[in-house]
Amino acid sequence: QVQLVESGGGLVQAGGSLRLSCAASGRTFSSYAMGWFRQAPGKEREFVAAINWSGGSTAYADSVKGRFTISRDNAKNTVYLQMNSLKPEDTAVYYCKAVRILTTYWGQGTQVTVST
């Protein structure tokens, strides 16, 4: 069982930055691939970024490529999402996801609001 707790969301002006964190419980964190997803009001949840178990491979949605950076610290059981040059369309609840073979866990989400 893995529990995920996101933090770091908030209100920021367009062009600003935020760093989201997702802290995981358990001793098997390093065996999970991790991802960030987001869901805006009235829209479906969408993929933002992912990172493999070692941190050696990452992937990004086209909409955030070049602005967001995903990273992880397996010693701290934490995955991060550095978000720069934020836009109003980045406003959403951001969720952390852990995946290993047939097992998936989600966090409760953290709100990010980008004002004009």
C-alpha atoms as a PDB file:
ATOM      1  CA  GLN A   1       0.000   0.000   0.000  1.00  0.00           C
ATOM      2  CA  VAL A   2       1.300   3.451  -0.946  1.00  0.00           C
ATOM      3  CA  GLN A   3      -0.186   6.720   0.240  1.00  0.00           C
ATOM      4  CA  LEU A   4       0.529   9.878  -1.728  1.00  0.00           C
ATOM      5  CA  VAL A   5       0.227  13.409  -0.359  1.00  0.00           C
ATOM      6  CA  GLU A   6       0.622  16.382  -2.667  1.00  0.00           C
ATOM      7  CA  SER A   7       1.599  19.855  -1.514  1.00  0.00           C
ATOM      8  CA  GLY A   8       2.875  23.141  -2.896  1.00  0.00           C
ATOM      9  CA  GLY A   9      -0.175  24.337  -4.774  1.00  0.00           C
ATOM     10  CA  GLY A  10      -1.523  27.844  -4.479  1.00  0.00           C
ATOM     11  CA  LEU A  11      -2.337  31.079  -6.243  1.00  0.00           C
ATOM     12  CA  VAL A  12       0.279  32.599  -8.535  1.00  0.00           C
ATOM     13  CA  GLN A  13       0.315  35.273 -11.201  1.00  0.00           C
ATOM     14  CA  ALA A  14       0.836  34.395 -14.834  1.00  0.00           C
ATOM     15  CA  GLY A  15       4.533  34.023 -15.540  1.00  0.00           C
ATOM     16  CA  GLY A  16       5.270  32.875 -12.025  1.00  0.00           C
ATOM     17  CA  SER A  17       6.509  29.568 -10.669  1.00  0.00           C
ATOM     18  CA  LEU A  18       5.410  26.879  -8.257  1.00  0.00           C
ATOM     19  CA  ARG A  19       6.981  23.658  -7.102  1.00  0.00           C
ATOM     20  CA  LEU A  20       4.668  20.781  -6.302  1.00  0.00           C
ATOM     21  CA  SER A  21       5.745  17.899  -4.100  1.00  0.00           C
ATOM     22  CA  CYS A  22       4.277  14.446  -3.713  1.00  0.00           C
ATOM     23  CA  ALA A  23       5.394  12.541  -0.640  1.00  0.00           C
ATOM     24  CA  ALA A  24       4.893   8.790  -0.634  1.00  0.00           C
ATOM     25  CA  SER A  25       4.632   6.409   2.283  1.00  0.00           C
ATOM     26  CA  GLY A  26       6.164   2.955   2.279  1.00  0.00           C
ATOM     27  CA  ARG A  27       9.547   1.457   1.505  1.00  0.00           C
ATOM     28  CA  THR A  28       8.863   0.556  -2.124  1.00  0.00           C
ATOM     29  CA  PHE A  29       8.654   4.070  -3.570  1.00  0.00           C
ATOM     30  CA  SER A  30      11.737   3.594  -5.737  1.00  0.00           C
ATOM     31  CA  SER A  31      10.065   0.706  -7.577  1.00  0.00           C
ATOM     32  CA  TYR A  32       7.206   2.892  -8.829  1.00  0.00           C
ATOM     33  CA  ALA A  33       7.026   5.037 -11.905  1.00  0.00           C
ATOM     34  CA  MET A  34       5.509   8.372 -10.939  1.00  0.00           C
ATOM     35  CA  GLY A  35       3.390  10.871 -12.786  1.00  0.00           C
ATOM     36  CA  TRP A  36       1.569  14.147 -12.485  1.00  0.00           C
ATOM     37  CA  PHE A  37      -1.889  14.687 -13.903  1.00  0.00           C
ATOM     38  CA  ARG A  38      -4.256  17.645 -13.726  1.00  0.00           C
ATOM     39  CA  GLN A  39      -7.948  18.272 -13.965  1.00  0.00           C
ATOM     40  CA  ALA A  40      -9.483  21.647 -14.728  1.00  0.00           C
ATOM     41  CA  PRO A  41     -13.138  22.397 -13.938  1.00  0.00           C
ATOM     42  CA  GLY A  42     -15.433  20.759 -16.457  1.00  0.00           C
ATOM     43  CA  LYS A  43     -12.581  18.889 -18.134  1.00  0.00           C
ATOM     44  CA  GLU A  44     -11.188  15.386 -18.002  1.00  0.00           C
ATOM     45  CA  ARG A  45      -8.059  14.558 -16.076  1.00  0.00           C
ATOM     46  CA  GLU A  46      -5.034  14.864 -18.336  1.00  0.00           C
ATOM     47  CA  PHE A  47      -1.435  13.730 -18.296  1.00  0.00           C
ATOM     48  CA  VAL A  48       1.192  16.324 -17.408  1.00  0.00           C
ATOM     49  CA  ALA A  49       4.500  14.549 -16.795  1.00  0.00           C
ATOM     50  CA  ALA A  50       5.986  11.191 -15.818  1.00  0.00           C
ATOM     51  CA  ILE A  51       9.272   9.823 -14.556  1.00  0.00           C
ATOM     52  CA  ASN A  52      10.565   6.274 -14.356  1.00  0.00           C
ATOM     53  CA  TRP A  53      11.723   4.536 -11.177  1.00  0.00           C
ATOM     54  CA  SER A  54      15.308   5.767 -11.378  1.00  0.00           C
ATOM     55  CA  GLY A  55      14.632   9.254 -12.663  1.00  0.00           C
ATOM     56  CA  GLY A  56      16.550   8.506 -15.830  1.00  0.00           C
ATOM     57  CA  SER A  57      13.586   8.828 -18.148  1.00  0.00           C
ATOM     58  CA  THR A  58      10.927  11.516 -18.259  1.00  0.00           C
ATOM     59  CA  ALA A  59       7.988  12.435 -20.464  1.00  0.00           C
ATOM     60  CA  TYR A  60       5.864  15.570 -20.777  1.00  0.00           C
ATOM     61  CA  ALA A  61       2.636  16.711 -22.322  1.00  0.00           C
ATOM     62  CA  ASP A  62       3.240  19.064 -25.234  1.00  0.00           C
ATOM     63  CA  SER A  63       1.400  21.825 -23.385  1.00  0.00           C
ATOM     64  CA  VAL A  64       3.987  21.927 -20.577  1.00  0.00           C
ATOM     65  CA  LYS A  65       7.158  20.881 -22.375  1.00  0.00           C
ATOM     66  CA  GLY A  66       9.944  23.374 -21.744  1.00  0.00           C
ATOM     67  CA  ARG A  67       8.116  24.952 -18.787  1.00  0.00           C
ATOM     68  CA  PHE A  68       7.639  22.072 -16.325  1.00  0.00           C
ATOM     69  CA  THR A  69      10.246  19.689 -14.942  1.00  0.00           C
ATOM     70  CA  ILE A  70       9.517  16.441 -13.116  1.00  0.00           C
ATOM     71  CA  SER A  71      12.117  14.970 -10.772  1.00  0.00           C
ATOM     72  CA  ARG A  72      12.287  12.532  -7.884  1.00  0.00           C
ATOM     73  CA  ASP A  73      14.332  11.882  -4.768  1.00  0.00           C
ATOM     74  CA  ASN A  74      14.034   8.206  -3.859  1.00  0.00           C
ATOM     75  CA  ALA A  75      15.856   8.762  -0.580  1.00  0.00           C
ATOM     76  CA  LYS A  76      13.072  11.150   0.438  1.00  0.00           C
ATOM     77  CA  ASN A  77      10.223   9.165  -1.169  1.00  0.00           C
ATOM     78  CA  THR A  78       9.218  12.325  -3.009  1.00  0.00           C
ATOM     79  CA  VAL A  79       8.490  13.361  -6.566  1.00  0.00           C
ATOM     80  CA  TYR A  80       8.470  16.996  -7.634  1.00  0.00           C
ATOM     81  CA  LEU A  81       6.974  19.104 -10.381  1.00  0.00           C
ATOM     82  CA  GLN A  82       8.721  22.409 -10.983  1.00  0.00           C
ATOM     83  CA  MET A  83       6.366  24.677 -12.894  1.00  0.00           C
ATOM     84  CA  ASN A  84       7.737  27.812 -14.525  1.00  0.00           C
ATOM     85  CA  SER A  85       6.195  30.413 -16.831  1.00  0.00           C
ATOM     86  CA  LEU A  86       2.760  29.495 -15.572  1.00  0.00           C
ATOM     87  CA  LYS A  87      -0.260  30.371 -17.666  1.00  0.00           C
ATOM     88  CA  PRO A  88      -3.926  30.792 -16.691  1.00  0.00           C
ATOM     89  CA  GLU A  89      -4.673  27.596 -18.634  1.00  0.00           C
ATOM     90  CA  ASP A  90      -2.467  25.705 -16.177  1.00  0.00           C
ATOM     91  CA  THR A  91      -5.133  26.273 -13.517  1.00  0.00           C
ATOM     92  CA  ALA A  92      -6.291  22.881 -12.269  1.00  0.00           C
ATOM     93  CA  VAL A  93      -6.142  20.388  -9.462  1.00  0.00           C
ATOM     94  CA  TYR A  94      -2.845  18.550  -9.790  1.00  0.00           C
ATOM     95  CA  TYR A  95      -2.677  14.872  -8.865  1.00  0.00           C
ATOM     96  CA  CYS A  96       0.245  12.598  -8.205  1.00  0.00           C
ATOM     97  CA  LYS A  97       0.118   8.991  -9.461  1.00  0.00           C
ATOM     98  CA  ALA A  98       2.254   5.966  -8.647  1.00  0.00           C
ATOM     99  CA  VAL A  99       2.321   2.978 -10.997  1.00  0.00           C
ATOM    100  CA  ARG A 100       3.943  -0.434 -10.784  1.00  0.00           C
ATOM    101  CA  ILE A 101       2.824  -3.285 -13.059  1.00  0.00           C
ATOM    102  CA  LEU A 102      -0.914  -3.629 -12.246  1.00  0.00           C
ATOM    103  CA  THR A 103      -0.938  -1.373  -9.196  1.00  0.00           C
ATOM    104  CA  THR A 104      -1.917   2.286  -9.272  1.00  0.00           C
ATOM    105  CA  TYR A 105      -2.233   4.838  -6.494  1.00  0.00           C
ATOM    106  CA  TRP A 106      -3.479   8.437  -6.602  1.00  0.00           C
ATOM    107  CA  GLY A 107      -3.017  11.338  -4.255  1.00  0.00           C
ATOM    108  CA  GLN A 108      -5.821  13.640  -3.168  1.00  0.00           C
ATOM    109  CA  GLY A 109      -4.693  16.549  -5.333  1.00  0.00           C
ATOM    110  CA  THR A 110      -3.485  20.099  -4.800  1.00  0.00           C
ATOM    111  CA  GLN A 111      -5.060  23.200  -6.351  1.00  0.00           C
ATOM    112  CA  VAL A 112      -3.023  25.430  -8.627  1.00  0.00           C
ATOM    113  CA  THR A 113      -4.585  28.708  -9.690  1.00  0.00           C
ATOM    114  CA  VAL A 114      -2.864  31.038 -12.133  1.00  0.00           C
ATOM    115  CA  SER A 115      -4.255  34.547 -12.348  1.00  0.00           C
ATOM    116  CA  THR A 116      -3.922  36.968 -15.243  1.00  0.00           C
END
